[in-house]
Structure formats: C-alpha cells, structure tokens
Amino acid sequence: MRGIVASYFTEVDKPSNDSFHRRNPLRLISGILIGIAIVLIFVLLIAGTMSVSADAPGQLETRIMTRIKYWRIGGKDVPNPEPDTAEIRSEGAEHFQHHCQICHGLDGQGTGVPLVSKMSPPVANLASPRVQAYSDGQLKWIIENGIRSTGMPGWKGTLDDQEMWRIVRYLRHLPAAGSLGVPGVYKEEEEQHEHMRGGEEKERHH
C-alpha cells in the first residue's frame, strides 16, 4: 500500500513531457525576439552616427568599417612562389605604380592622394604594422579578390598570379613615405588648378 501511495505522489509531482515541450518553444521564441531587438538597437545606433555625406567618416563609423575590412581574409598559409630579389621587387613596383598609385600613392602610404582620409574606411597605409602583419598569401588574396565595403577592388582577370605575387614582394619593401613624390595624375591636376587660378586672377585685374 505504501508503495502504491509513494508511486502516486511521485507521478503527480513529476512534470509531464507535454508541459515541458509546451514551455520550451516559448523560451526559444523569447530568446529569438530578444536577439532581434539587440541587433535592431545596434543597427539604429550605427545608423544614427553615420553620415551620408562624402566628408571624412566619424570615429565610430571608421572603427566599424575598419573591423569589417579585416574580417575573413583568405590565403593565410599560401606561400609566395616568387623569389625575394631586387629584380622581382622592381617588377612588382612597376605593376603597383601602374594599378594602385591612384589610391595608395607611389610609395603605398598615400603620399599626395587627396582621397586617402575621405574614404570609409580610410585608404590603408600599406606600410602600417597592421597591413604588414598579413601573410604574403593574405596580401595576394586581397589584391586578387578585393575587400567589400572598402573601395578596394579585386584585380583577378586584370593581373595574373605572378604579377600579384610580385606586387606582394614590393609591398614588403616599400620606400620611405614621400620619397617617390606625388602620383603624376594628381600633380597634373594641381598644375591645372593653379593655371585656372592664375587665369581668374588676371581677369579680376583687367
């Protein structure tokens, strides 16, 4: 008799499987809703601090876009097949100055490039410790594929593998900042502006 009573109360106190399964979906849905709310708050916070103007981005925007810039770069363990010689670096410099100077300058450090600080995120200084911390394979991956939301295009189909690897060799031996001067396209533009300003001054005096 005692066994029957004990068994009865045990069955009464034990939560039924049906009740457990009914409560579980509610917890799951609550968790999802809380997660969505957090994401929405984060998005609104970012949107509220970002400007749609083309001026230099704010600190928060710069930090966020810089984080995005360095996510999921492939090629970490791929070795550079090109030998590290002066000839290879020289060829890499030629390719770099032909394709990359418009954004990075002749020296890879943005010398004479007016849009360096106006991009969001800013154009990378290729001599910086953060960029140089990438492996050769990662640098080649960036050149080949570009990085979304940064303005960095992918050069696959324009440069072949050998040319990209040689650019990487050049990136490891960049010259001193400013030592190569201003890219020709910006120098010509500045000369044209100076010429136009001179013409306007003459007209004012006549």
Protein backbone atom coordinates (compact mmCIF):
# COMPACT_ATOMS: atom_id res chain seq x y z
CA MET A 1 0.00 0.00 0.00
CA ARG A 2 2.79 2.44 0.91
CA GLY A 3 4.47 1.67 -2.40
CA ILE A 4 1.30 2.48 -4.30
CA VAL A 5 0.87 5.83 -2.46
CA ALA A 6 4.51 6.79 -2.96
CA SER A 7 4.26 5.93 -6.61
CA TYR A 8 1.10 8.04 -6.93
CA PHE A 9 2.70 11.16 -5.43
CA THR A 10 5.82 10.68 -7.49
CA GLU A 11 3.75 10.64 -10.67
CA VAL A 12 1.79 13.71 -9.56
CA ASP A 13 4.94 15.75 -8.74
CA LYS A 14 6.77 14.81 -11.95
CA PRO A 15 6.25 17.42 -14.70
CA SER A 16 4.69 15.89 -17.75
CA ASN A 17 6.61 15.75 -21.02
CA ASP A 18 3.76 17.62 -22.72
CA SER A 19 4.07 20.53 -20.29
CA PHE A 20 7.87 20.66 -20.77
CA HIS A 21 7.57 20.73 -24.56
CA ARG A 22 4.92 23.45 -24.35
CA ARG A 23 7.18 25.72 -22.28
CA ASN A 24 10.34 25.14 -24.35
CA PRO A 25 9.16 26.79 -27.59
CA LEU A 26 8.15 29.88 -25.60
CA ARG A 27 11.69 30.18 -24.25
CA LEU A 28 13.11 29.74 -27.74
CA ILE A 29 10.81 32.39 -29.22
CA SER A 30 11.61 34.79 -26.36
CA GLY A 31 15.33 34.30 -26.97
CA ILE A 32 14.94 34.98 -30.69
CA LEU A 33 12.92 38.15 -30.06
CA ILE A 34 15.49 39.44 -27.57
CA GLY A 35 18.27 38.73 -30.09
CA ILE A 36 16.41 40.60 -32.85
CA ALA A 37 15.83 43.55 -30.51
CA ILE A 38 19.55 43.74 -29.67
CA VAL A 39 20.51 43.65 -33.35
CA LEU A 40 17.97 46.39 -34.19
CA ILE A 41 19.29 48.61 -31.39
CA PHE A 42 22.85 48.07 -32.66
CA VAL A 43 21.85 48.90 -36.25
CA LEU A 44 19.97 52.04 -35.18
CA LEU A 45 22.95 53.12 -33.10
CA ILE A 46 25.26 52.76 -36.10
CA ALA A 47 22.82 54.45 -38.48
CA GLY A 48 22.41 57.34 -36.09
CA THR A 49 26.14 58.04 -36.01
CA MET A 50 26.89 57.55 -39.71
CA SER A 51 26.71 60.38 -42.20
CA VAL A 52 25.71 60.02 -45.84
CA SER A 53 27.93 62.94 -46.80
CA ALA A 54 31.26 62.37 -48.52
CA ASP A 55 33.21 64.07 -45.74
CA ALA A 56 35.68 62.18 -43.58
CA PRO A 57 33.80 59.50 -41.57
CA GLY A 58 33.31 59.75 -37.82
CA GLN A 59 35.25 57.70 -35.28
CA LEU A 60 32.57 55.05 -34.71
CA GLU A 61 31.97 54.57 -38.43
CA THR A 62 35.71 54.32 -39.05
CA ARG A 63 36.12 51.69 -36.32
CA ILE A 64 33.23 49.59 -37.58
CA MET A 65 34.28 49.74 -41.22
CA THR A 66 37.89 49.02 -40.30
CA ARG A 67 36.76 45.91 -38.40
CA ILE A 68 34.78 44.77 -41.43
CA LYS A 69 37.81 45.41 -43.60
CA TYR A 70 39.96 42.92 -41.73
CA TRP A 71 37.41 40.07 -41.44
CA ARG A 72 37.79 36.77 -43.22
CA ILE A 73 40.86 37.40 -45.34
CA GLY A 74 41.83 34.12 -47.03
CA GLY A 75 45.16 32.72 -48.14
CA LYS A 76 46.91 32.83 -44.77
CA ASP A 77 49.01 29.70 -45.28
CA VAL A 78 49.71 30.08 -49.01
CA PRO A 79 53.44 30.73 -49.60
CA ASN A 80 54.78 33.26 -52.08
CA PRO A 81 56.30 31.36 -55.02
CA GLU A 82 58.23 34.39 -56.28
CA PRO A 83 61.81 34.80 -55.01
CA ASP A 84 62.54 37.86 -52.90
CA THR A 85 65.06 39.52 -55.23
CA ALA A 86 65.64 43.12 -56.32
CA GLU A 87 64.50 42.29 -59.86
CA ILE A 88 61.23 40.73 -58.69
CA ARG A 89 60.55 43.66 -56.35
CA SER A 90 61.25 46.13 -59.15
CA GLU A 91 58.73 44.41 -61.42
CA GLY A 92 56.23 44.37 -58.56
CA ALA A 93 56.77 48.12 -58.08
CA GLU A 94 56.00 48.74 -61.76
CA HIS A 95 52.72 46.84 -61.54
CA PHE A 96 51.86 48.57 -58.27
CA GLN A 97 52.53 52.05 -59.62
CA HIS A 98 50.51 51.32 -62.74
CA HIS A 99 47.44 49.89 -61.00
CA CYS A 100 47.49 51.00 -57.36
CA GLN A 101 49.00 54.51 -57.16
CA ILE A 102 45.65 56.24 -57.73
CA CYS A 103 44.55 55.23 -54.20
CA HIS A 104 47.74 54.26 -52.37
CA GLY A 105 50.28 56.66 -53.89
CA LEU A 106 53.58 55.67 -55.43
CA ASP A 107 55.01 54.74 -52.04
CA GLY A 108 51.99 52.74 -50.81
CA GLN A 109 51.49 55.24 -48.00
CA GLY A 110 49.07 57.65 -49.63
CA THR A 111 51.52 60.47 -50.35
CA GLY A 112 49.83 63.13 -52.45
CA VAL A 113 46.50 61.25 -52.68
CA PRO A 114 43.68 63.61 -51.59
CA LEU A 115 41.05 60.90 -51.09
CA VAL A 116 43.06 58.85 -48.56
CA SER A 117 41.26 60.22 -45.49
CA LYS A 118 37.90 60.73 -47.19
CA MET A 119 37.19 57.06 -47.85
CA SER A 120 35.23 54.99 -45.33
CA PRO A 121 37.21 53.22 -44.04
CA PRO A 122 40.25 55.36 -44.94
CA VAL A 123 42.62 54.01 -47.59
CA ALA A 124 45.09 51.72 -45.86
CA ASN A 125 48.68 52.75 -45.28
CA LEU A 126 50.37 49.66 -46.70
CA ALA A 127 53.48 50.20 -44.59
CA SER A 128 51.46 50.12 -41.36
CA PRO A 129 52.08 47.31 -38.86
CA ARG A 130 48.51 46.07 -39.28
CA VAL A 131 48.87 45.57 -43.04
CA GLN A 132 52.38 44.19 -42.77
CA ALA A 133 51.11 41.64 -40.22
CA TYR A 134 49.24 39.87 -43.02
CA SER A 135 50.96 36.86 -44.54
CA ASP A 136 52.06 37.04 -48.18
CA GLY A 137 49.16 34.76 -49.05
CA GLN A 138 46.65 37.10 -47.42
CA LEU A 139 48.05 40.14 -49.22
CA LYS A 140 47.80 38.30 -52.53
CA TRP A 141 44.22 37.26 -51.67
CA ILE A 142 43.30 40.90 -51.05
CA ILE A 143 44.85 42.03 -54.33
CA GLU A 144 43.06 39.25 -56.18
CA ASN A 145 39.62 39.47 -54.56
CA GLY A 146 39.38 42.96 -53.09
CA ILE A 147 37.51 43.72 -49.86
CA ARG A 148 33.83 44.53 -49.92
CA SER A 149 32.67 47.88 -48.49
CA THR A 150 36.17 49.38 -48.51
CA GLY A 151 36.71 50.60 -52.07
CA MET A 152 39.46 48.01 -52.58
CA PRO A 153 38.74 46.28 -55.94
CA GLY A 154 39.74 42.77 -56.88
CA TRP A 155 42.31 42.55 -59.69
CA LYS A 156 41.58 38.99 -60.76
CA GLY A 157 41.36 38.93 -64.56
CA THR A 158 43.46 42.11 -64.87
CA LEU A 159 46.62 40.91 -63.12
CA ASP A 160 47.82 37.33 -63.33
CA ASP A 161 49.05 35.35 -60.32
CA GLN A 162 52.72 36.07 -60.97
CA GLU A 163 52.12 39.83 -61.17
CA MET A 164 50.12 39.81 -57.93
CA TRP A 165 52.77 37.82 -56.07
CA ARG A 166 55.43 40.26 -57.29
CA ILE A 167 53.39 43.20 -56.03
CA VAL A 168 53.37 41.47 -52.64
CA ARG A 169 57.18 41.34 -52.75
CA TYR A 170 57.22 45.09 -53.41
CA LEU A 171 54.82 45.69 -50.50
CA ARG A 172 57.34 44.07 -48.16
CA HIS A 173 59.98 46.62 -49.19
CA LEU A 174 58.09 49.89 -49.56
CA PRO A 175 60.19 53.07 -49.86
CA ALA A 176 60.17 55.83 -47.24
CA ALA A 177 56.97 57.87 -47.14
CA GLY A 178 57.11 60.76 -49.61
CA SER A 179 60.35 59.62 -51.22
CA LEU A 180 58.72 58.99 -54.62
CA GLY A 181 56.70 62.19 -54.68
CA VAL A 182 53.11 62.71 -55.78
CA PRO A 183 51.44 60.49 -58.41
CA GLY A 184 51.51 62.13 -61.83
CA VAL A 185 47.73 62.27 -62.16
CA TYR A 186 47.41 64.40 -59.01
CA LYS A 187 50.41 66.55 -59.89
CA GLU A 188 48.86 67.38 -63.27
CA GLU A 189 45.53 68.10 -61.62
CA GLU A 190 47.14 70.51 -59.17
CA GLU A 191 49.00 72.25 -62.01
CA GLN A 192 45.73 72.66 -63.90
CA HIS A 193 44.09 74.16 -60.82
CA GLU A 194 46.99 76.56 -60.37
CA HIS A 195 46.73 77.56 -64.03
CA MET A 196 42.98 78.18 -63.69
CA ARG A 197 43.50 80.22 -60.53
CA GLY A 198 46.12 82.30 -62.33
CA GLY A 199 43.71 82.95 -65.18
CA GLU A 200 40.99 84.03 -62.79
CA GLU A 201 43.36 86.43 -61.03
CA LYS A 202 44.32 88.05 -64.35
CA GLU A 203 40.66 88.53 -65.29
CA ARG A 204 39.98 90.27 -61.97
CA HIS A 205 42.77 92.75 -62.57
CA HIS A 206 41.55 93.69 -66.09
